[in-house]
């Protein structure tokens, strides 16, 4: 579960020690406070995202392999696959878009820049406050 991670810039984990999984909620067992409601919504969104990545991995085999590309390239690959996936859903397959098994492109050299050092403690506290405001 994501609750093992701390609040960080760009990442809001569920609350620890609070019901989280969809199966823990039912018609008679609704959320009783803001933190449970946040965790319920978090879990629901996580399931949706996992299904979307399952669809991507089924359509684009490159996403189902162990990544060997630099992080920035991995981000670009996911974005490119999302764009192609949406186009295929809208317009269908086209002779302009090659079948993945026929595509043999050379990967550009892409290095990941080192993250800059910020006051992480302050940022993490700010993100925890953001999570509380959302809840």
Foldseek 3Di string as FASTA:
>chain_A
DQCVDFQFVPDDGQDPPEDAAPVCDDPVRHDDDDSNVLSPVVNVVVVVVVVVVVVLCVQAVVSVDDDPAAPVVVVVVVVVSVVVVVCCVVPNDDPVDDRNVPDDDDDDRDHDDDDDDDPGVVRSVVRNVVSVVVD
